[in-house]
Protein backbone atom coordinates (compact mmCIF):
# COMPACT_ATOMS: atom_id res chain seq x y z
CA MET A 1 8.04 10.10 -43.68
CA THR A 2 6.69 11.59 -40.60
CA LEU A 3 5.85 9.80 -37.38
CA LEU A 4 2.19 10.81 -37.26
CA HIS A 5 0.03 11.44 -40.35
CA PHE A 6 -3.39 11.48 -41.72
CA GLN A 7 -4.82 9.00 -43.91
CA SER A 8 -8.55 9.02 -44.99
CA GLY A 9 -9.28 12.04 -42.92
CA ARG A 10 -8.26 9.83 -39.50
CA LEU A 11 -5.04 10.20 -37.48
CA ARG A 12 -2.97 7.32 -38.11
CA VAL A 13 0.33 6.01 -36.43
CA PRO A 14 2.59 3.82 -38.63
CA PRO A 15 3.94 1.16 -36.89
CA LEU A 16 7.76 0.90 -35.99
CA ARG A 17 8.07 -2.52 -35.01
CA LYS A 18 9.52 -3.30 -38.80
CA ARG A 19 11.76 -0.58 -38.61
CA ALA A 20 15.55 -0.95 -37.67
CA ALA A 21 16.33 0.01 -34.12
CA HIS A 22 18.66 2.56 -35.11
CA THR A 23 16.02 4.20 -36.86
CA GLN A 24 13.90 3.94 -33.87
CA TRP A 25 16.26 5.77 -31.70
CA ILE A 26 16.68 8.31 -34.24
CA MET A 27 13.07 9.22 -34.34
CA LEU A 28 13.14 9.16 -30.40
CA LEU A 29 15.94 11.39 -29.98
CA ALA A 30 14.43 13.50 -32.86
CA LEU A 31 11.41 13.64 -31.04
CA SER A 32 12.89 14.14 -27.40
CA ALA A 33 14.81 17.13 -28.18
CA PRO A 34 12.14 19.88 -29.10
CA LEU A 35 9.93 18.51 -26.37
CA ILE A 36 12.78 19.34 -23.86
CA LEU A 37 13.33 22.45 -25.33
CA LEU A 38 9.45 23.21 -25.09
CA PHE A 39 9.34 22.38 -21.21
CA GLU A 40 12.52 24.41 -20.43
CA ALA A 41 11.03 27.45 -22.22
CA MET A 42 7.96 26.91 -19.98
CA HIS A 43 10.56 26.26 -16.84
CA LEU A 44 9.31 23.30 -15.75
CA PRO A 45 12.03 21.72 -13.40
CA ALA A 46 11.29 18.03 -14.86
CA ALA A 47 11.64 18.96 -18.25
CA LEU A 48 14.78 16.68 -18.92
CA LEU A 49 12.62 14.03 -18.08
CA LEU A 50 9.09 14.83 -19.33
CA GLY A 51 10.34 15.28 -22.94
CA PRO A 52 12.01 11.79 -23.18
CA MET A 53 8.99 10.47 -21.24
CA ILE A 54 6.23 11.69 -23.86
CA ALA A 55 8.79 11.01 -26.64
CA GLY A 56 8.90 7.30 -25.53
CA ILE A 57 5.13 6.94 -24.82
CA VAL A 58 4.78 8.36 -28.55
CA ILE A 59 6.95 6.11 -29.86
CA ALA A 60 5.32 2.92 -27.93
CA VAL A 61 2.46 3.39 -29.31
CA ALA A 62 3.65 3.41 -32.63
CA ASP A 63 4.72 -0.03 -31.67
CA ALA A 64 8.33 0.36 -31.64
CA THR A 65 10.48 -2.24 -30.09
CA VAL A 66 13.47 -0.39 -28.52
CA ARG A 67 13.74 -0.36 -24.83
CA VAL A 68 16.23 1.16 -22.58
CA PRO A 69 19.26 -1.34 -21.89
CA PRO A 70 18.66 -2.80 -17.85
CA TYR A 71 21.94 -1.80 -16.67
CA ALA A 72 21.53 1.72 -18.26
CA PHE A 73 18.60 2.24 -16.22
CA TYR A 74 20.10 0.92 -13.25
CA ILE A 75 22.81 3.11 -13.45
CA ALA A 76 20.82 6.11 -14.29
CA GLN A 77 18.80 5.28 -10.71
CA GLY A 78 22.05 5.47 -8.96
CA VAL A 79 22.85 8.99 -10.47
CA VAL A 80 19.48 10.26 -9.55
CA GLY A 81 20.26 8.66 -6.02
CA CYS A 82 23.34 10.37 -5.66
CA MET A 83 21.51 13.68 -7.07
CA ILE A 84 19.12 13.26 -3.85
CA ALA A 85 21.98 12.75 -1.71
CA ARG A 86 23.69 16.15 -2.63
CA ALA A 87 20.36 17.73 -1.82
CA ILE A 88 20.52 16.47 2.01
CA PRO A 89 23.08 18.31 3.98
CA LEU A 90 23.82 17.84 7.78
CA SER A 91 22.38 21.68 7.93
CA ILE A 92 18.97 20.39 6.78
CA VAL A 93 19.27 17.90 9.82
CA SER A 94 19.78 20.41 12.16
CA GLU A 95 17.10 22.60 10.78
CA VAL A 96 14.64 19.97 11.41
CA LEU A 97 15.78 19.11 14.87
CA ARG A 98 15.55 22.57 16.10
CA ASP A 99 11.67 22.60 15.79
CA TRP A 100 10.88 19.19 15.32
CA PRO A 101 6.91 19.25 16.34
CA LEU A 102 6.62 21.90 13.59
CA PHE A 103 8.23 19.74 11.04
CA LEU A 104 6.40 16.55 12.18
CA MET A 105 3.11 18.12 12.31
CA GLY A 106 3.64 19.51 8.71
CA VAL A 107 4.97 16.37 6.90
CA VAL A 108 2.76 14.08 8.64
CA SER A 109 -0.50 16.26 7.39
CA VAL A 110 0.51 16.76 3.91
CA ILE A 111 1.42 12.59 3.82
CA ALA A 112 -1.71 11.69 5.25
CA ALA A 113 -4.04 14.16 3.01
CA ALA A 114 -2.03 12.28 0.07
CA ALA A 115 -2.59 9.01 1.29
CA ALA A 116 -6.22 9.55 2.17
CA LEU A 117 -6.54 10.75 -1.60
CA GLY A 118 -5.05 7.77 -2.99
CA LEU A 119 -6.97 5.45 -0.93
CA LEU A 120 -10.10 7.19 -2.59
CA GLN A 121 -8.85 7.07 -6.08
CA THR A 122 -8.18 2.97 -5.22
CA ARG A 123 -11.61 2.51 -3.59
CA TRP A 124 -13.31 3.97 -6.58
CA GLN A 125 -11.35 2.20 -8.75
CA VAL A 126 -9.73 5.16 -10.83
CA LEU A 127 -6.48 3.29 -10.68
CA PRO A 128 -5.63 0.02 -9.91
CA GLY A 129 -4.19 -1.25 -6.29
CA THR A 130 -0.82 0.69 -5.06
CA THR A 131 -0.53 2.69 -8.47
CA ALA A 132 -2.83 5.56 -6.50
CA ILE A 133 -0.72 5.36 -3.43
CA TRP A 134 2.41 5.75 -5.11
CA GLY A 135 1.03 8.20 -7.90
CA SER A 136 -0.31 10.37 -4.98
CA ALA A 137 3.13 10.17 -2.62
CA PRO A 138 4.40 13.75 -2.00
CA GLY A 139 8.04 13.15 -2.53
CA ALA A 140 10.54 13.67 -5.47
CA ALA A 141 8.68 12.46 -8.36
CA SER A 142 11.10 10.73 -10.14
CA ALA A 143 12.39 8.81 -6.70
CA MET A 144 8.54 7.87 -6.36
CA VAL A 145 8.03 6.72 -9.82
CA LEU A 146 11.40 4.36 -9.29
CA MET A 147 10.47 2.81 -6.01
CA ALA A 148 7.00 2.07 -7.22
CA ASP A 149 8.54 0.55 -10.12
CA ALA A 150 10.34 -1.81 -7.55
CA PHE A 151 7.52 -2.39 -5.46
CA GLY A 152 5.16 -3.83 -8.36
CA ALA A 153 3.01 -0.79 -8.95
CA ASP A 154 2.73 0.16 -12.49
CA VAL A 155 4.95 2.86 -13.24
CA ARG A 156 3.57 4.18 -16.40
CA LEU A 157 0.52 5.23 -14.46
CA VAL A 158 2.31 6.49 -11.31
CA ALA A 159 4.70 8.50 -13.70
CA PHE A 160 1.57 10.00 -15.29
CA MET A 161 -0.05 10.77 -11.62
CA GLN A 162 3.44 12.15 -10.57
CA TYR A 163 4.41 14.73 -13.53
CA LEU A 164 0.64 15.81 -13.81
CA ARG A 165 1.17 16.85 -10.12
CA VAL A 166 4.41 18.50 -10.85
CA VAL A 167 3.08 20.60 -13.57
CA CYS A 168 0.16 21.82 -11.71
CA VAL A 169 2.15 22.25 -8.35
CA THR A 170 4.81 24.38 -10.10
CA ILE A 171 2.43 26.86 -11.87
CA VAL A 172 0.39 26.90 -8.86
CA ALA A 173 3.52 27.92 -6.55
CA THR A 174 4.88 30.24 -9.14
CA LEU A 175 1.41 31.99 -9.53
CA VAL A 176 1.21 32.22 -5.57
CA SER A 177 5.01 33.17 -5.34
CA ARG A 178 4.42 36.15 -7.88
CA ILE A 179 1.04 37.16 -6.22
CA MET A 180 2.58 36.97 -2.67
CA ALA A 181 5.89 38.56 -3.27
CA GLY A 182 4.72 41.19 -5.99
CA THR A 183 7.47 40.23 -8.56
CA SER A 184 8.33 37.87 -11.16
CA GLY A 185 10.62 36.05 -9.07
CA GLY A 186 13.65 37.37 -11.61
CA PRO A 187 15.13 34.96 -14.22
CA LEU A 188 16.13 31.31 -13.74
CA PRO A 189 20.25 31.08 -13.55
CA GLU A 190 21.68 29.76 -16.88
CA ILE A 191 22.69 26.41 -17.11
CA ILE A 192 26.45 25.53 -17.99
CA TRP A 193 26.09 22.18 -19.33
CA PHE A 194 29.68 21.45 -19.83
CA PRO A 195 31.49 23.12 -16.97
CA PRO A 196 34.91 22.22 -15.45
CA VAL A 197 34.62 18.73 -13.87
CA ALA A 198 36.77 17.85 -10.77
CA TRP A 199 37.83 14.77 -11.60
CA LEU A 200 38.78 13.07 -8.74
CA PRO A 201 35.11 13.82 -7.02
CA PHE A 202 33.77 13.06 -10.24
CA LEU A 203 34.95 9.43 -10.27
CA GLU A 204 34.05 9.10 -6.76
CA THR A 205 30.63 9.98 -7.26
CA ALA A 206 30.36 7.56 -10.65
CA ALA A 207 31.63 4.69 -8.78
CA ILE A 208 28.80 5.31 -5.97
CA ALA A 209 26.22 5.74 -8.91
CA GLY A 210 27.10 3.09 -10.83
CA GLY A 211 28.88 0.32 -8.31
CA GLY A 212 26.24 0.74 -5.83
CA ALA A 213 23.15 0.72 -8.24
CA ILE A 214 24.45 -2.32 -10.06
CA ALA A 215 25.49 -4.09 -6.51
CA ALA A 216 21.91 -3.50 -5.55
CA HIS A 217 20.33 -5.04 -8.20
CA LEU A 218 22.48 -8.06 -8.00
CA LEU A 219 21.74 -8.12 -4.40
CA ARG A 220 18.14 -7.92 -5.44
CA ILE A 221 17.50 -5.03 -3.02
CA PRO A 222 14.22 -3.39 -3.30
CA ALA A 223 14.51 0.07 -4.95
CA GLY A 224 18.22 -0.18 -4.61
CA PRO A 225 19.48 0.82 -7.83
CA LEU A 226 18.22 4.28 -6.36
CA LEU A 227 18.33 3.87 -2.69
CA VAL A 228 21.66 2.18 -2.11
CA PRO A 229 23.65 5.30 -3.75
CA MET A 230 21.33 7.68 -2.03
CA LEU A 231 22.37 6.43 1.27
CA VAL A 232 26.13 5.82 0.47
CA GLY A 233 26.35 9.33 -0.94
CA VAL A 234 24.58 11.00 2.10
CA VAL A 235 27.08 9.14 4.59
CA LEU A 236 30.06 9.71 2.55
CA GLN A 237 29.03 13.35 1.95
CA ASP A 238 28.14 14.29 5.61
CA ALA A 239 30.67 11.98 7.65
CA ALA A 240 33.66 12.01 5.10
CA GLY A 241 33.20 15.08 3.47
CA MET A 242 33.04 13.95 0.08
CA THR A 243 32.00 16.07 -2.63
CA ILE A 244 29.14 14.90 -5.13
CA GLU A 245 30.27 15.97 -8.32
CA LEU A 246 27.42 15.54 -11.11
CA PRO A 247 27.83 17.64 -14.11
CA PRO A 248 24.77 19.11 -15.64
CA TRP A 249 25.43 16.72 -18.96
CA LEU A 250 25.30 13.50 -16.60
CA LEU A 251 21.80 14.46 -14.87
CA ALA A 252 20.43 15.41 -18.16
CA GLY A 253 21.81 11.90 -19.70
CA SER A 254 20.22 10.12 -16.58
CA TYR A 255 16.64 11.86 -16.75
CA ALA A 256 16.47 11.27 -20.29
CA LEU A 257 17.28 7.45 -19.89
CA VAL A 258 14.74 7.24 -17.05
CA GLY A 259 12.02 9.17 -19.21
CA TRP A 260 12.66 6.82 -22.14
CA SER A 261 12.40 3.71 -19.64
CA ILE A 262 9.11 4.59 -18.39
CA GLY A 263 7.66 5.96 -21.97
CA LEU A 264 8.54 2.89 -23.98
CA ARG A 265 6.44 0.49 -21.64
CA PHE A 266 3.33 2.49 -22.26
CA THR A 267 0.89 0.54 -24.57
CA ARG A 268 -2.41 1.76 -26.24
CA PRO A 269 -4.70 0.33 -23.62
CA ILE A 270 -2.85 1.83 -20.38
CA LEU A 271 -2.70 5.56 -22.24
CA VAL A 272 -6.55 5.48 -23.07
CA HIS A 273 -6.69 4.41 -19.53
CA ALA A 274 -4.78 7.27 -18.48
CA ILE A 275 -6.59 9.67 -20.64
CA ARG A 276 -9.66 8.38 -19.24
CA ALA A 277 -8.82 8.91 -15.33
CA PHE A 278 -7.34 12.32 -16.45
CA PRO A 279 -10.15 14.45 -15.05
CA ARG A 280 -10.35 12.34 -11.56
CA VAL A 281 -6.63 12.77 -11.26
CA LEU A 282 -6.45 16.26 -12.07
CA GLY A 283 -9.30 17.04 -9.51
CA SER A 284 -7.40 15.09 -6.73
CA ILE A 285 -4.44 16.95 -7.50
CA LEU A 286 -6.10 20.60 -7.08
CA VAL A 287 -7.76 19.07 -3.98
CA LEU A 288 -4.30 18.08 -2.50
CA VAL A 289 -2.85 21.22 -3.44
CA ALA A 290 -5.74 23.04 -1.81
CA VAL A 291 -5.45 21.07 1.52
CA CYS A 292 -1.66 21.90 2.00
CA GLY A 293 -2.65 25.27 1.35
CA VAL A 294 -4.94 24.92 4.21
CA PHE A 295 -2.20 23.43 6.14
CA ALA A 296 0.30 26.91 5.29
CA ALA A 297 -2.36 29.10 6.76
CA VAL A 298 -2.55 26.81 9.74
CA LEU A 299 1.66 27.36 9.70
CA VAL A 300 0.86 31.06 9.64
CA TYR A 301 -1.84 31.60 12.30
CA VAL A 302 0.16 29.17 14.94
CA LYS A 303 3.95 29.77 14.14
CA GLY A 304 3.84 33.40 12.51
CA ILE A 305 5.53 32.06 9.51
CA ASP A 306 5.36 34.21 6.48
CA PRO A 307 2.71 32.98 4.03
CA LEU A 308 4.83 32.55 1.27
CA THR A 309 7.36 30.45 3.21
CA ALA A 310 4.63 28.47 4.58
CA TYR A 311 2.93 27.57 1.23
CA LEU A 312 6.22 26.74 -0.36
CA ALA A 313 6.99 24.36 2.37
CA THR A 314 3.97 22.46 2.46
CA SER A 315 3.62 22.61 -1.68
CA PRO A 316 3.36 18.89 -2.40
CA GLY A 317 6.32 18.33 -4.71
CA GLY A 318 8.28 18.32 -6.12
CA ALA A 319 11.55 19.45 -3.99
CA ASP A 320 13.15 20.39 -7.03
CA SER A 321 10.80 22.66 -8.25
CA VAL A 322 10.07 24.05 -4.91
CA ALA A 323 13.86 24.93 -4.43
CA ILE A 324 13.90 26.64 -8.06
CA ILE A 325 11.07 28.76 -6.80
CA ALA A 326 12.09 29.52 -3.27
CA SER A 327 15.76 30.44 -4.68
CA SER A 328 14.12 33.16 -6.50
CA SER A 329 11.57 34.68 -3.77
CA GLN A 330 11.83 36.29 -0.48
CA VAL A 331 11.17 33.22 1.53
CA ASP A 332 12.90 31.18 4.28
CA GLN A 333 15.08 28.80 1.96
CA PRO A 334 16.63 26.61 5.01
CA PHE A 335 12.99 26.12 6.39
CA VAL A 336 11.37 25.42 3.00
CA MET A 337 13.96 22.91 1.93
CA ALA A 338 14.32 21.31 5.34
CA MET A 339 10.42 20.55 5.32
CA GLN A 340 10.43 19.08 1.64
CA VAL A 341 13.04 16.83 2.43
CA ALA A 342 12.08 15.64 5.63
CA ARG A 343 8.82 14.83 4.10
CA PHE A 344 10.56 13.16 1.08
CA VAL A 345 12.76 11.04 3.46
CA ILE A 346 9.62 10.01 5.44
CA VAL A 347 7.85 9.05 2.20
CA LEU A 348 10.67 6.65 1.26
CA LEU A 349 10.71 4.99 4.64
CA THR A 350 6.74 4.59 4.95
CA GLY A 351 5.90 4.13 1.22
CA PRO A 352 6.27 0.43 0.83
CA SER A 353 4.32 -0.54 3.98
CA LEU A 354 1.78 2.06 3.17
CA ALA A 355 1.44 0.63 -0.15
CA ARG A 356 1.40 -2.64 1.06
CA PHE A 357 -1.81 -1.86 3.48
CA ILE A 358 -3.55 -0.15 0.68
CA ALA A 359 -2.85 -3.31 -1.51
CA LYS A 360 -4.48 -5.58 1.11
CA ARG A 361 -7.57 -2.95 1.40
CA ALA A 362 -7.97 -3.33 -2.15
CA GLU A 363 -8.01 -7.19 -2.25
CA ARG A 364 -10.86 -7.07 0.22
CA TRP A 365 -12.96 -4.40 -1.60
CA GLU A 366 -12.73 -6.71 -4.62
CA THR A 367 -14.05 -9.89 -2.97
CA VAL A 368 -16.92 -7.60 -1.55
């Protein structure tokens, strides 16, 4: 029996709540795999999370009852935190400090533009409360979704906004890269899913990801399962010379757990709301991309930075997709990644306060 079928000329989704849990998990896996392969073929950097998330949504609206176990979700967040820590070496800090006014201008401009668009979406009641702010935040998409979940926003709609932006920004940045560089950018490096593992660094990384995430949850640290492993990883990597070892198969499994956890929380009313909000959310994303293009033009005019480097540096996330495009283009990669990582760190630090500010404003608007 298929998950979706037609009955009386109408598409019908048979309920899954009466199916055994193992049957629901098999269906979830069977739907996730082809979606991942499709998105990988499209060269989407978030394919390993997007595929499971969309599969989870389909299963959820068919009244599935399975859920990702909480501690598996916390550990997956810890792995994502270690992955982010690995992307923040000391060389990026020196790159930022060398020309900090330029970085401050670029980072603050993009964050301000994203916050303004999120504020307008809240004001116009496109999305509720802090959801629009977290959904508009120009950081690493997976981190923003997990932070939003920890601070009370609707993680389902935040994920919808963040990953729609990932798709749009990836397409636009790829097109800009090909037009400006006059090249296809070359083939992406092939992923070796089961490479040799350095076991001592791997065990150290696993201890940080698992132990840090669980400890943070038990201590009730906001967004702790993500932030504590990330901060510990940065300190040990840069101060103690630790190597963060994350095999591709571990990252793939962690992304899948995060994607399933988000997707399985969807309900039919939430999905309908997301579909209705799609045109305005897409419009907001395209406006943000255009505004960032203007900021890039300012960098070119004021500082003489080459246009493609400036565009990729100011592109509104995610950092992983920009990193892949930058690695296959003739650009100043340290500058691009320093700008992206600096913006991500500032969003992490300012996101909760900004979300609380917007929430208070939204309450006032509702009472007017």
